[in-house]
Amino acid sequence: MKSHTITLTINGESHIVTVRSADTLLYIVRGRLGLTGAKPGCLNGDCGACTVNVDGWPMKSCLMLAVEAAGKEVTTIEGLKETPIQMAFVENFAFQCGYCTPGFIMNCHSLIEQHPDADDQTIKEWLESNICRCTGYIEIEKAVKSVLKRGAHLKAPME
């Protein structure tokens, strides 16, 4: 299989990596770069545990090839340091076992950035892309709403 040497910009840092054409972004981020916040779940795009942000939008990294990420800004959970949505997840107990939490936080971070005036329907639609089997989504919705209400997304990270 053919290899490519590409530059990935992840969490603001450039990484030169040699990847195979079939390597997923999830595989490279976790296995080669040691950023293990994005989790392998279903590996077919259903669960959202592997969600990262690509150019500000949520992307399931198990579905994206690493070569597709070249030239884009990729943010993993490790790149969100004390952002308002992370604090809101803690304040609202928006997690149980925690396995899916990084993917939810990444998705919610994008939601808040892309839709700072999101209504209940928009929030519900965005949360449909991630699955949690340990809890309901009420606490996660409360976390998103608390950030939107405070306008805290306008100033990140929290001080």
C-alpha atoms as a PDB file:
ATOM      1  CA  MET A   1       0.000   0.000   0.000  1.00  0.00           C
ATOM      2  CA  LYS A   2       1.275   3.436  -0.894  1.00  0.00           C
ATOM      3  CA  SER A   3       2.516   5.778   1.852  1.00  0.00           C
ATOM      4  CA  HIS A   4       2.282   9.553   1.994  1.00  0.00           C
ATOM      5  CA  THR A   5       4.226  12.015   4.089  1.00  0.00           C
ATOM      6  CA  ILE A   6       1.820  14.713   5.218  1.00  0.00           C
ATOM      7  CA  THR A   7       1.699  17.538   7.704  1.00  0.00           C
ATOM      8  CA  LEU A   8      -1.149  17.468  10.174  1.00  0.00           C
ATOM      9  CA  THR A   9      -1.961  20.497  12.291  1.00  0.00           C
ATOM     10  CA  ILE A  10      -3.407  19.172  15.504  1.00  0.00           C
ATOM     11  CA  ASN A  11      -4.145  21.387  18.495  1.00  0.00           C
ATOM     12  CA  GLY A  12      -2.113  24.146  16.882  1.00  0.00           C
ATOM     13  CA  GLU A  13       1.022  22.023  16.428  1.00  0.00           C
ATOM     14  CA  SER A  14       2.383  20.706  13.132  1.00  0.00           C
ATOM     15  CA  HIS A  15       3.186  17.012  12.890  1.00  0.00           C
ATOM     16  CA  ILE A  16       4.938  15.474   9.905  1.00  0.00           C
ATOM     17  CA  VAL A  17       3.775  11.879   9.614  1.00  0.00           C
ATOM     18  CA  THR A  18       4.002   9.120   7.067  1.00  0.00           C
ATOM     19  CA  VAL A  19       0.624   7.496   6.602  1.00  0.00           C
ATOM     20  CA  ARG A  20      -0.861   4.794   4.448  1.00  0.00           C
ATOM     21  CA  SER A  21      -3.700   5.776   2.140  1.00  0.00           C
ATOM     22  CA  ALA A  22      -6.152   3.784   4.284  1.00  0.00           C
ATOM     23  CA  ASP A  23      -5.074   5.132   7.700  1.00  0.00           C
ATOM     24  CA  THR A  24      -7.902   6.867   9.514  1.00  0.00           C
ATOM     25  CA  LEU A  25      -7.370  10.092  11.374  1.00  0.00           C
ATOM     26  CA  LEU A  26      -8.381   8.255  14.575  1.00  0.00           C
ATOM     27  CA  TYR A  27      -5.629   5.680  14.070  1.00  0.00           C
ATOM     28  CA  ILE A  28      -2.955   8.330  13.481  1.00  0.00           C
ATOM     29  CA  VAL A  29      -4.076  10.643  16.295  1.00  0.00           C
ATOM     30  CA  ARG A  30      -4.221   7.848  18.883  1.00  0.00           C
ATOM     31  CA  GLY A  31      -1.630   5.357  17.720  1.00  0.00           C
ATOM     32  CA  ARG A  32       1.035   7.561  16.198  1.00  0.00           C
ATOM     33  CA  LEU A  33       0.652  10.881  18.007  1.00  0.00           C
ATOM     34  CA  GLY A  34      -0.418   9.555  21.408  1.00  0.00           C
ATOM     35  CA  LEU A  35      -3.507  11.750  21.699  1.00  0.00           C
ATOM     36  CA  THR A  36      -5.862   9.193  23.187  1.00  0.00           C
ATOM     37  CA  GLY A  37      -8.844  11.408  24.046  1.00  0.00           C
ATOM     38  CA  ALA A  38     -10.713  10.447  20.872  1.00  0.00           C
ATOM     39  CA  LYS A  39     -11.975   6.935  21.572  1.00  0.00           C
ATOM     40  CA  PRO A  40     -12.515   4.001  19.244  1.00  0.00           C
ATOM     41  CA  GLY A  41     -16.101   2.920  19.695  1.00  0.00           C
ATOM     42  CA  CYS A  42     -18.093   1.474  16.847  1.00  0.00           C
ATOM     43  CA  LEU A  43     -15.466   2.363  14.212  1.00  0.00           C
ATOM     44  CA  ASN A  44     -18.222   2.953  11.664  1.00  0.00           C
ATOM     45  CA  GLY A  45     -19.410   6.474  12.487  1.00  0.00           C
ATOM     46  CA  ASP A  46     -22.427   5.647  14.609  1.00  0.00           C
ATOM     47  CA  CYS A  47     -21.345   6.390  18.186  1.00  0.00           C
ATOM     48  CA  GLY A  48     -19.334   9.630  18.035  1.00  0.00           C
ATOM     49  CA  ALA A  49     -16.769   8.564  20.663  1.00  0.00           C
ATOM     50  CA  CYS A  50     -14.002   9.462  18.189  1.00  0.00           C
ATOM     51  CA  THR A  51     -15.268  12.982  17.429  1.00  0.00           C
ATOM     52  CA  VAL A  52     -12.656  15.669  16.810  1.00  0.00           C
ATOM     53  CA  ASN A  53     -13.109  19.136  15.336  1.00  0.00           C
ATOM     54  CA  VAL A  54     -11.852  19.805  11.823  1.00  0.00           C
ATOM     55  CA  ASP A  55     -11.831  23.455  10.806  1.00  0.00           C
ATOM     56  CA  GLY A  56     -14.351  24.098  13.587  1.00  0.00           C
ATOM     57  CA  TRP A  57     -16.799  21.346  12.673  1.00  0.00           C
ATOM     58  CA  PRO A  58     -17.283  17.986  14.408  1.00  0.00           C
ATOM     59  CA  MET A  59     -15.892  15.036  12.495  1.00  0.00           C
ATOM     60  CA  LYS A  60     -15.935  11.372  13.365  1.00  0.00           C
ATOM     61  CA  SER A  61     -12.253  10.583  13.059  1.00  0.00           C
ATOM     62  CA  CYS A  62     -12.925   6.897  12.405  1.00  0.00           C
ATOM     63  CA  LEU A  63     -14.501   7.930   9.092  1.00  0.00           C
ATOM     64  CA  MET A  64     -11.929  10.492   7.973  1.00  0.00           C
ATOM     65  CA  LEU A  65      -8.723   9.432   6.309  1.00  0.00           C
ATOM     66  CA  ALA A  66      -5.598  11.023   7.733  1.00  0.00           C
ATOM     67  CA  VAL A  67      -4.633  12.291   4.273  1.00  0.00           C
ATOM     68  CA  GLU A  68      -7.919  14.221   4.152  1.00  0.00           C
ATOM     69  CA  ALA A  69      -6.890  16.156   7.275  1.00  0.00           C
ATOM     70  CA  ALA A  70      -3.715  17.562   5.701  1.00  0.00           C
ATOM     71  CA  GLY A  71      -4.018  21.330   5.440  1.00  0.00           C
ATOM     72  CA  LYS A  72      -6.873  21.494   7.939  1.00  0.00           C
ATOM     73  CA  GLU A  73      -6.960  22.568  11.591  1.00  0.00           C
ATOM     74  CA  VAL A  74      -7.728  19.538  13.764  1.00  0.00           C
ATOM     75  CA  THR A  75      -8.605  19.928  17.418  1.00  0.00           C
ATOM     76  CA  THR A  76      -8.834  16.993  19.806  1.00  0.00           C
ATOM     77  CA  ILE A  77     -10.098  17.010  23.372  1.00  0.00           C
ATOM     78  CA  GLU A  78      -6.493  17.554  24.442  1.00  0.00           C
ATOM     79  CA  GLY A  79      -6.584  20.875  22.597  1.00  0.00           C
ATOM     80  CA  LEU A  80      -9.555  22.174  24.576  1.00  0.00           C
ATOM     81  CA  LYS A  81      -8.018  23.320  27.807  1.00  0.00           C
ATOM     82  CA  GLU A  82     -10.572  24.396  30.402  1.00  0.00           C
ATOM     83  CA  THR A  83     -13.058  25.615  27.833  1.00  0.00           C
ATOM     84  CA  PRO A  84     -16.504  26.704  29.000  1.00  0.00           C
ATOM     85  CA  ILE A  85     -18.170  23.525  27.729  1.00  0.00           C
ATOM     86  CA  GLN A  86     -15.751  21.322  29.675  1.00  0.00           C
ATOM     87  CA  MET A  87     -16.487  23.227  32.865  1.00  0.00           C
ATOM     88  CA  ALA A  88     -20.225  23.041  32.141  1.00  0.00           C
ATOM     89  CA  PHE A  89     -20.021  19.245  31.788  1.00  0.00           C
ATOM     90  CA  VAL A  90     -18.499  19.061  35.264  1.00  0.00           C
ATOM     91  CA  GLU A  91     -20.936  21.574  36.787  1.00  0.00           C
ATOM     92  CA  ASN A  92     -23.962  19.765  35.305  1.00  0.00           C
ATOM     93  CA  PHE A  93     -22.752  16.184  35.908  1.00  0.00           C
ATOM     94  CA  ALA A  94     -23.011  15.572  32.167  1.00  0.00           C
ATOM     95  CA  PHE A  95     -21.088  12.305  32.159  1.00  0.00           C
ATOM     96  CA  GLN A  96     -21.232   8.830  33.651  1.00  0.00           C
ATOM     97  CA  CYS A  97     -18.462   6.369  32.803  1.00  0.00           C
ATOM     98  CA  GLY A  98     -16.702   9.015  30.711  1.00  0.00           C
ATOM     99  CA  TYR A  99     -15.843   6.944  27.650  1.00  0.00           C
ATOM    100  CA  CYS A 100     -18.056   8.962  25.315  1.00  0.00           C
ATOM    101  CA  THR A 101     -17.494  12.292  27.090  1.00  0.00           C
ATOM    102  CA  PRO A 102     -14.609  13.588  24.927  1.00  0.00           C
ATOM    103  CA  GLY A 103     -16.655  13.041  21.765  1.00  0.00           C
ATOM    104  CA  PHE A 104     -19.661  14.783  23.275  1.00  0.00           C
ATOM    105  CA  ILE A 105     -17.542  17.713  24.435  1.00  0.00           C
ATOM    106  CA  MET A 106     -16.017  18.113  20.979  1.00  0.00           C
ATOM    107  CA  ASN A 107     -19.447  17.992  19.347  1.00  0.00           C
ATOM    108  CA  CYS A 108     -20.918  20.442  21.868  1.00  0.00           C
ATOM    109  CA  HIS A 109     -17.955  22.788  21.496  1.00  0.00           C
ATOM    110  CA  SER A 110     -18.572  22.953  17.741  1.00  0.00           C
ATOM    111  CA  LEU A 111     -22.305  23.363  18.292  1.00  0.00           C
ATOM    112  CA  ILE A 112     -21.735  26.363  20.539  1.00  0.00           C
ATOM    113  CA  GLU A 113     -19.221  27.915  18.151  1.00  0.00           C
ATOM    114  CA  GLN A 114     -21.337  27.343  15.025  1.00  0.00           C
ATOM    115  CA  HIS A 115     -24.735  28.116  16.596  1.00  0.00           C
ATOM    116  CA  PRO A 116     -24.308  30.583  19.479  1.00  0.00           C
ATOM    117  CA  ASP A 117     -28.081  31.109  19.448  1.00  0.00           C
ATOM    118  CA  ALA A 118     -28.990  27.408  19.255  1.00  0.00           C
ATOM    119  CA  ASP A 119     -32.544  26.541  20.235  1.00  0.00           C
ATOM    120  CA  ASP A 120     -33.718  23.300  21.862  1.00  0.00           C
ATOM    121  CA  GLN A 121     -34.323  21.597  18.513  1.00  0.00           C
ATOM    122  CA  THR A 122     -30.851  22.445  17.199  1.00  0.00           C
ATOM    123  CA  ILE A 123     -29.244  21.149  20.387  1.00  0.00           C
ATOM    124  CA  LYS A 124     -31.217  17.886  20.201  1.00  0.00           C
ATOM    125  CA  GLU A 125     -30.316  17.411  16.526  1.00  0.00           C
ATOM    126  CA  TRP A 126     -26.602  17.935  17.193  1.00  0.00           C
ATOM    127  CA  LEU A 127     -26.627  15.553  20.151  1.00  0.00           C
ATOM    128  CA  GLU A 128     -28.145  12.814  17.983  1.00  0.00           C
ATOM    129  CA  SER A 129     -24.737  12.265  16.383  1.00  0.00           C
ATOM    130  CA  ASN A 130     -23.279  10.887  19.625  1.00  0.00           C
ATOM    131  CA  ILE A 131     -24.401   7.902  21.670  1.00  0.00           C
ATOM    132  CA  CYS A 132     -24.188   7.426  25.417  1.00  0.00           C
ATOM    133  CA  ARG A 133     -25.573   4.280  26.994  1.00  0.00           C
ATOM    134  CA  CYS A 134     -24.770   5.250  30.598  1.00  0.00           C
ATOM    135  CA  THR A 135     -26.969   8.312  31.039  1.00  0.00           C
ATOM    136  CA  GLY A 136     -29.703  10.381  29.506  1.00  0.00           C
ATOM    137  CA  TYR A 137     -28.948  13.459  27.511  1.00  0.00           C
ATOM    138  CA  ILE A 138     -30.667  15.899  29.881  1.00  0.00           C
ATOM    139  CA  GLU A 139     -27.472  16.828  31.740  1.00  0.00           C
ATOM    140  CA  ILE A 140     -25.588  17.272  28.465  1.00  0.00           C
ATOM    141  CA  GLU A 141     -28.341  19.543  27.155  1.00  0.00           C
ATOM    142  CA  LYS A 142     -28.191  21.524  30.414  1.00  0.00           C
ATOM    143  CA  ALA A 143     -24.425  21.914  30.019  1.00  0.00           C
ATOM    144  CA  VAL A 144     -24.799  23.283  26.478  1.00  0.00           C
ATOM    145  CA  LYS A 145     -27.616  25.618  27.496  1.00  0.00           C
ATOM    146  CA  SER A 146     -25.647  26.923  30.475  1.00  0.00           C
ATOM    147  CA  VAL A 147     -22.746  27.908  28.214  1.00  0.00           C
ATOM    148  CA  LEU A 148     -25.067  29.519  25.668  1.00  0.00           C
ATOM    149  CA  LYS A 149     -26.946  31.381  28.399  1.00  0.00           C
ATOM    150  CA  ARG A 150     -23.767  32.778  29.945  1.00  0.00           C
ATOM    151  CA  GLY A 151     -22.353  33.696  26.571  1.00  0.00           C
ATOM    152  CA  ALA A 152     -19.253  31.957  27.914  1.00  0.00           C
ATOM    153  CA  HIS A 153     -18.455  30.568  24.477  1.00  0.00           C
ATOM    154  CA  LEU A 154     -17.465  34.073  23.451  1.00  0.00           C
ATOM    155  CA  LYS A 155     -14.435  33.944  25.702  1.00  0.00           C
ATOM    156  CA  ALA A 156     -12.516  30.702  25.750  1.00  0.00           C
ATOM    157  CA  PRO A 157     -10.787  29.263  27.699  1.00  0.00           C
ATOM    158  CA  MET A 158     -12.124  30.013  31.151  1.00  0.00           C
ATOM    159  CA  GLU A 159      -9.831  31.851  33.502  1.00  0.00           C
END
